[in-house]
Amino acid sequence: MWNPEFGKENLENLEKMEEGEDNKVYKARQKTTGKLLLIKKYKNLCLDEDGTLPPSRLCEIIDFEALSESSNVLRLLYWYKNEKPSLYMMFEFLNMDLKKFIDSNPTPIQPNLIQSFMYQLCKELHIGTSLSCFTAEMMLGSTLFPGDSEYDMLLHIFRLHYDTVM
């Protein structure tokens, strides 16, 4: 559902933070609230035959939505796909990420802080992110969600998720 709070007319782009092969990341401000946002824009998406987002982008949205329930992870506030097709993901803005934190500290990070970071990371892995699936597959020696395409594997994931939730 469209939310005008995150529409172009209510956002002021402040600066381009980084640019990847298929996306750009911007720092922006909501005009009505003054709140800072991080906007990730995927350009030139190759949609599936039925016009849906590629499985890799759907997985990213699902993971961020699940992780957004946590106080330890960057929050996905809103996302939408336009007709171009481009995908926009709006996140809360953080002044510092882990890389900036590490780069800003001239001395090694204290073991108790490393332990705290690792605890937070491990606590969030229970939702089944790619890392935990990869680790489980290595330990089991077989795939968790067999399929001959990304789409087929996503179907296995959704079936498992919705069968256990409902």
Protein backbone atom coordinates (compact mmCIF):
# COMPACT_ATOMS: atom_id res chain seq x y z
CA MET A 1 0.00 0.00 0.00
CA TRP A 2 1.33 3.42 -0.98
CA ASN A 3 2.54 5.61 1.88
CA PRO A 4 2.89 9.31 0.90
CA GLU A 5 5.24 9.81 3.85
CA PHE A 6 7.90 8.10 1.70
CA GLY A 7 6.93 9.64 -1.67
CA LYS A 8 9.42 11.64 -3.76
CA GLU A 9 7.60 14.89 -3.01
CA ASN A 10 8.21 14.38 0.72
CA LEU A 11 11.91 13.45 0.44
CA GLU A 12 14.95 15.65 0.05
CA ASN A 13 18.05 13.87 -1.27
CA LEU A 14 21.06 15.06 0.70
CA GLU A 15 23.91 13.02 -0.77
CA LYS A 16 24.79 9.85 -2.62
CA MET A 17 26.50 7.56 -0.11
CA GLU A 18 27.65 4.77 -2.43
CA GLU A 19 26.96 3.15 -5.77
CA GLY A 20 27.04 -0.53 -6.64
CA GLU A 21 26.62 -2.44 -9.86
CA ASP A 22 22.83 -2.52 -9.61
CA ASN A 23 22.01 -0.04 -6.84
CA LYS A 24 22.65 3.38 -5.37
CA VAL A 25 22.41 4.38 -1.72
CA TYR A 26 21.32 7.88 -0.73
CA LYS A 27 21.01 9.84 2.47
CA ALA A 28 17.70 11.72 2.48
CA ARG A 29 15.46 13.73 4.80
CA GLN A 30 11.70 13.51 5.16
CA LYS A 31 10.46 17.06 4.63
CA THR A 32 7.51 16.81 7.01
CA THR A 33 9.33 15.20 9.94
CA GLY A 34 12.99 16.10 9.36
CA LYS A 35 13.83 12.44 9.93
CA LEU A 36 16.97 11.16 8.17
CA LEU A 37 16.64 8.07 5.97
CA LEU A 38 18.89 5.77 4.01
CA ILE A 39 17.39 4.99 0.60
CA LYS A 40 18.61 2.03 -1.43
CA LYS A 41 17.50 2.17 -5.06
CA TYR A 42 17.82 -0.88 -7.31
CA LYS A 43 17.74 0.18 -10.92
CA ASN A 44 16.84 -1.75 -14.05
CA LEU A 45 15.30 -4.74 -12.32
CA CYS A 46 14.65 -7.80 -14.45
CA LEU A 47 11.16 -8.78 -13.35
CA ASP A 48 9.82 -12.31 -13.55
CA GLU A 49 7.31 -13.20 -16.29
CA ASP A 50 4.39 -12.27 -14.04
CA GLY A 51 5.90 -8.86 -13.17
CA THR A 52 7.12 -9.80 -9.68
CA LEU A 53 10.47 -8.89 -8.20
CA PRO A 54 13.42 -11.25 -8.69
CA PRO A 55 13.75 -13.87 -5.93
CA SER A 56 17.01 -12.34 -4.66
CA ARG A 57 15.29 -8.98 -4.02
CA LEU A 58 12.25 -10.69 -2.43
CA CYS A 59 14.56 -12.57 -0.06
CA GLU A 60 16.33 -9.35 0.86
CA ILE A 61 13.01 -7.63 1.66
CA ILE A 62 11.77 -10.63 3.68
CA ASP A 63 15.03 -10.81 5.64
CA PHE A 64 15.06 -7.07 6.39
CA GLU A 65 11.40 -7.08 7.40
CA ALA A 66 12.04 -9.95 9.81
CA LEU A 67 15.23 -8.37 11.14
CA SER A 68 13.50 -4.98 11.54
CA GLU A 69 11.68 -6.42 14.56
CA SER A 70 15.02 -6.42 16.38
CA SER A 71 16.63 -3.51 18.15
CA ASN A 72 20.07 -4.70 17.00
CA VAL A 73 19.62 -4.36 13.24
CA LEU A 74 19.04 -1.54 10.77
CA ARG A 75 15.27 -1.10 10.32
CA LEU A 76 13.56 -1.32 6.94
CA LEU A 77 10.80 1.28 7.20
CA TYR A 78 9.15 1.01 3.78
CA TRP A 79 9.71 -0.33 0.29
CA TYR A 80 8.03 -0.04 -3.10
CA LYS A 81 8.53 -0.91 -6.76
CA ASN A 82 7.71 1.62 -9.46
CA GLU A 83 6.88 1.11 -13.13
CA LYS A 84 10.42 1.75 -14.52
CA PRO A 85 11.05 -0.86 -12.85
CA SER A 86 13.08 0.27 -9.86
CA LEU A 87 12.92 -0.92 -6.28
CA TYR A 88 13.23 1.56 -3.41
CA MET A 89 13.99 0.45 0.14
CA MET A 90 13.83 3.08 2.90
CA PHE A 91 15.80 2.44 6.09
CA GLU A 92 16.38 4.34 9.28
CA PHE A 93 19.59 6.35 9.01
CA LEU A 94 22.48 5.46 11.31
CA ASN A 95 25.44 7.79 11.72
CA MET A 96 27.85 4.88 12.02
CA ASP A 97 27.91 1.31 10.81
CA LEU A 98 30.28 -1.42 11.95
CA LYS A 99 32.86 -0.66 9.24
CA LYS A 100 32.99 3.04 10.18
CA PHE A 101 33.23 2.06 13.85
CA ILE A 102 36.18 -0.25 13.19
CA ASP A 103 37.89 2.32 10.94
CA SER A 104 37.45 5.08 13.54
CA ASN A 105 39.15 3.10 16.32
CA PRO A 106 42.96 3.24 16.16
CA THR A 107 43.27 0.44 18.72
CA PRO A 108 41.89 -3.09 18.42
CA ILE A 109 38.31 -3.53 19.59
CA GLN A 110 38.10 -4.84 23.15
CA PRO A 111 37.16 -8.55 23.49
CA ASN A 112 34.02 -7.77 25.54
CA LEU A 113 32.73 -5.51 22.74
CA ILE A 114 33.50 -8.16 20.11
CA GLN A 115 31.61 -10.66 22.26
CA SER A 116 28.64 -8.27 22.45
CA PHE A 117 28.61 -7.78 18.66
CA MET A 118 28.81 -11.52 18.05
CA TYR A 119 26.02 -12.19 20.55
CA GLN A 120 23.77 -9.69 18.76
CA LEU A 121 24.60 -11.23 15.38
CA CYS A 122 24.01 -14.80 16.54
CA LYS A 123 20.78 -13.79 18.27
CA GLU A 124 19.39 -12.55 14.94
CA LEU A 125 20.46 -15.59 12.88
CA HIS A 126 17.56 -17.65 14.23
CA ILE A 127 15.27 -16.22 11.54
CA GLY A 128 16.99 -18.26 8.84
CA THR A 129 19.15 -15.79 6.96
CA SER A 130 21.44 -16.95 4.19
CA LEU A 131 24.36 -17.32 6.58
CA SER A 132 22.55 -19.69 8.91
CA CYS A 133 21.20 -21.72 5.96
CA PHE A 134 24.68 -21.96 4.50
CA THR A 135 26.12 -23.10 7.84
CA ALA A 136 23.37 -25.71 8.30
CA GLU A 137 23.89 -27.05 4.78
CA MET A 138 27.63 -27.42 5.43
CA MET A 139 26.95 -29.27 8.68
CA LEU A 140 24.27 -31.53 7.14
CA GLY A 141 26.06 -32.07 3.85
CA SER A 142 22.85 -31.45 1.88
CA THR A 143 20.67 -28.56 0.76
CA LEU A 144 17.88 -27.34 3.03
CA PHE A 145 15.69 -26.08 0.20
CA PRO A 146 16.36 -28.20 -2.91
CA GLY A 147 15.35 -26.78 -6.24
CA ASP A 148 16.57 -26.34 -9.76
CA SER A 149 16.07 -22.54 -9.78
CA GLU A 150 15.91 -19.59 -7.37
CA TYR A 151 12.14 -19.56 -7.80
CA ASP A 152 11.82 -23.26 -6.94
CA MET A 153 13.98 -22.82 -3.83
CA LEU A 154 11.86 -19.82 -2.75
CA LEU A 155 8.73 -21.95 -3.07
CA HIS A 156 10.26 -24.47 -0.64
CA ILE A 157 11.13 -21.67 1.79
CA PHE A 158 7.65 -20.10 1.64
CA ARG A 159 5.93 -23.46 2.05
CA LEU A 160 8.01 -24.24 5.12
CA HIS A 161 7.53 -20.76 6.57
CA TYR A 162 3.77 -20.59 6.08
CA ASP A 163 3.14 -24.22 7.07
CA THR A 164 4.89 -23.68 10.40
CA VAL A 165 3.37 -20.24 11.07
CA MET A 166 -0.26 -21.10 10.27
